[in-house]
C-alpha atoms as a PDB file:
ATOM      1  CA  MET A   1     120.355 106.264  98.843  1.00  0.00           C
ATOM      2  CA  ASN A   2     117.372 106.143 101.195  1.00  0.00           C
ATOM      3  CA  THR A   3     117.465 103.728 104.094  1.00  0.00           C
ATOM      4  CA  ILE A   4     114.170 102.006 104.693  1.00  0.00           C
ATOM      5  CA  SER A   5     113.212 101.747 108.355  1.00  0.00           C
ATOM      6  CA  ALA A   6     109.664 101.948 109.612  1.00  0.00           C
ATOM      7  CA  ASP A   7     111.012 103.612 112.762  1.00  0.00           C
ATOM      8  CA  ARG A   8     112.256 106.650 110.856  1.00  0.00           C
ATOM      9  CA  ILE A   9     110.286 109.569 109.492  1.00  0.00           C
ATOM     10  CA  VAL A  10     110.733 110.132 105.764  1.00  0.00           C
ATOM     11  CA  ALA A  11     111.935 113.629 104.930  1.00  0.00           C
ATOM     12  CA  VAL A  12     109.389 115.157 102.567  1.00  0.00           C
ATOM     13  CA  ALA A  13     110.666 118.076 100.522  1.00  0.00           C
ATOM     14  CA  ASP A  14     108.538 117.538  97.404  1.00  0.00           C
ATOM     15  CA  PHE A  15     105.937 115.261  95.875  1.00  0.00           C
ATOM     16  CA  SER A  16     108.235 113.640  93.324  1.00  0.00           C
ATOM     17  CA  VAL A  17     107.925 109.993  92.313  1.00  0.00           C
ATOM     18  CA  GLU A  18     111.105 109.309  94.299  1.00  0.00           C
ATOM     19  CA  THR A  19     109.576 110.742  97.495  1.00  0.00           C
ATOM     20  CA  LEU A  20     106.295 108.890  96.903  1.00  0.00           C
ATOM     21  CA  CYS A  21     108.154 105.612  96.289  1.00  0.00           C
ATOM     22  CA  ASN A  22     110.119 106.135  99.496  1.00  0.00           C
ATOM     23  CA  ILE A  23     106.912 106.596 101.490  1.00  0.00           C
ATOM     24  CA  GLN A  24     105.355 103.624  99.732  1.00  0.00           C
ATOM     25  CA  ASP A  25     108.337 101.448 100.676  1.00  0.00           C
ATOM     26  CA  HIS A  26     108.013 102.571 104.296  1.00  0.00           C
ATOM     27  CA  LEU A  27     104.274 101.863 104.284  1.00  0.00           C
ATOM     28  CA  ARG A  28     104.973  98.275 103.212  1.00  0.00           C
ATOM     29  CA  ILE A  29     107.012  97.619 106.352  1.00  0.00           C
ATOM     30  CA  SER A  30     104.982  99.661 108.844  1.00  0.00           C
ATOM     31  CA  ASN A  31     103.335  97.427 111.408  1.00  0.00           C
ATOM     32  CA  SER A  32     102.730  99.445 114.540  1.00  0.00           C
ATOM     33  CA  PHE A  33     100.614 102.392 115.636  1.00  0.00           C
ATOM     34  CA  GLU A  34     103.771 104.549 115.852  1.00  0.00           C
ATOM     35  CA  HIS A  35     104.795 103.630 112.323  1.00  0.00           C
ATOM     36  CA  CYS A  36     101.325 104.514 111.025  1.00  0.00           C
ATOM     37  CA  ALA A  37     101.508 107.875 112.821  1.00  0.00           C
ATOM     38  CA  TYR A  38     104.794 108.583 111.009  1.00  0.00           C
ATOM     39  CA  ARG A  39     103.311 107.614 107.639  1.00  0.00           C
ATOM     40  CA  GLU A  40     100.235 109.787 108.264  1.00  0.00           C
ATOM     41  CA  ALA A  41     102.473 112.784 109.010  1.00  0.00           C
ATOM     42  CA  GLU A  42     104.461 112.170 105.817  1.00  0.00           C
ATOM     43  CA  LEU A  43     101.276 111.948 103.765  1.00  0.00           C
ATOM     44  CA  ASP A  44      99.992 115.122 105.447  1.00  0.00           C
ATOM     45  CA  GLU A  45     103.129 116.926 104.257  1.00  0.00           C
ATOM     46  CA  ILE A  46     102.727 115.594 100.698  1.00  0.00           C
ATOM     47  CA  TRP A  47      99.116 116.785 100.773  1.00  0.00           C
ATOM     48  CA  ARG A  48     100.182 120.230 102.005  1.00  0.00           C
ATOM     49  CA  LEU A  49     102.763 120.607  99.240  1.00  0.00           C
ATOM     50  CA  LEU A  50     100.282 119.481  96.585  1.00  0.00           C
ATOM     51  CA  ASP A  51      97.604 121.818  97.904  1.00  0.00           C
ATOM     52  CA  MET A  52     100.002 124.784  97.819  1.00  0.00           C
ATOM     53  CA  ARG A  53     100.930 123.985  94.207  1.00  0.00           C
ATOM     54  CA  LYS A  54      97.310 123.440  93.229  1.00  0.00           C
ATOM     55  CA  ARG A  55      96.422 127.002  94.311  1.00  0.00           C
ATOM     56  CA  VAL A  56      98.460 128.411  91.410  1.00  0.00           C
ATOM     57  CA  ALA A  57      97.945 125.627  88.863  1.00  0.00           C
ATOM     58  CA  THR A  58      95.710 125.749  85.803  1.00  0.00           C
ATOM     59  CA  GLY A  59      94.501 123.382  83.127  1.00  0.00           C
ATOM     60  CA  ALA A  60      95.996 119.895  82.937  1.00  0.00           C
ATOM     61  CA  GLU A  61      98.307 120.521  85.876  1.00  0.00           C
ATOM     62  CA  LEU A  62      95.370 121.490  88.075  1.00  0.00           C
ATOM     63  CA  GLN A  63      93.531 118.325  87.070  1.00  0.00           C
ATOM     64  CA  ARG A  64      96.653 116.156  87.759  1.00  0.00           C
ATOM     65  CA  LEU A  65      97.209 117.763  91.162  1.00  0.00           C
ATOM     66  CA  THR A  66      93.568 117.302  92.108  1.00  0.00           C
ATOM     67  CA  GLN A  67      93.816 113.595  91.262  1.00  0.00           C
ATOM     68  CA  MET A  68      97.037 113.308  93.242  1.00  0.00           C
ATOM     69  CA  LEU A  69      95.417 114.970  96.265  1.00  0.00           C
ATOM     70  CA  GLU A  70      92.546 112.462  96.154  1.00  0.00           C
ATOM     71  CA  ILE A  71      94.957 109.532  96.113  1.00  0.00           C
ATOM     72  CA  ILE A  72      97.081 110.954  98.919  1.00  0.00           C
ATOM     73  CA  TRP A  73      93.951 111.545 101.002  1.00  0.00           C
ATOM     74  CA  GLN A  74      92.793 107.975 100.356  1.00  0.00           C
ATOM     75  CA  ALA A  75      96.203 106.602 101.384  1.00  0.00           C
ATOM     76  CA  HIS A  76      96.172 108.795 104.495  1.00  0.00           C
ATOM     77  CA  ASP A  77      92.743 107.460 105.497  1.00  0.00           C
ATOM     78  CA  LEU A  78      93.847 103.870 104.950  1.00  0.00           C
ATOM     79  CA  VAL A  79      96.872 104.389 107.205  1.00  0.00           C
ATOM     80  CA  GLY A  80      94.583 105.909 109.822  1.00  0.00           C
ATOM     81  CA  LEU A  81      92.502 102.736 109.682  1.00  0.00           C
ATOM     82  CA  GLY A  82      95.630 100.662 110.358  1.00  0.00           C
ATOM     83  CA  ARG A  83      95.900  99.469 106.761  1.00  0.00           C
ATOM     84  CA  PRO A  84      99.368 100.609 105.612  1.00  0.00           C
ATOM     85  CA  LEU A  85      99.652  97.893 102.928  1.00  0.00           C
ATOM     86  CA  ASP A  86      96.412  99.109 101.343  1.00  0.00           C
ATOM     87  CA  ALA A  87      97.768 102.675 101.539  1.00  0.00           C
ATOM     88  CA  ALA A  88     100.937 101.529  99.760  1.00  0.00           C
ATOM     89  CA  ARG A  89      98.802  99.966  97.020  1.00  0.00           C
ATOM     90  CA  ALA A  90      96.793 103.191  96.679  1.00  0.00           C
ATOM     91  CA  LEU A  91     100.027 105.147  96.170  1.00  0.00           C
ATOM     92  CA  GLY A  92     100.851 102.748  93.346  1.00  0.00           C
ATOM     93  CA  ALA A  93      98.619 104.864  91.091  1.00  0.00           C
ATOM     94  CA  LEU A  94     101.054 107.719  91.530  1.00  0.00           C
ATOM     95  CA  VAL A  95     104.353 105.870  91.211  1.00  0.00           C
ATOM     96  CA  GLN A  96     103.725 103.377  88.432  1.00  0.00           C
ATOM     97  CA  PRO A  97     104.086 104.464  84.816  1.00  0.00           C
ATOM     98  CA  GLN A  98     100.763 105.113  83.158  1.00  0.00           C
ATOM     99  CA  SER A  99     100.051 103.197  79.942  1.00  0.00           C
END
């Protein structure tokens, strides 16, 4: 079970829904410059992992990864602007089931 604390850096080993939800939960409680710096670093790592996977992807997977990268970049920019709650909402597109 993941402990939620804005003062801790989330370990990012993949870009699974579980990892994204964990970062989203941390974004919701981040309220300082230091917290936002942690969240930016976590989103940077997600972006790096997605970009590596995208380099070998084709077809529908390539399209999905490209969309994910755009959302991660948007969330990263929002955190950089001091808007972690907006970043958490942006990540919602990646963690909520699609209808």
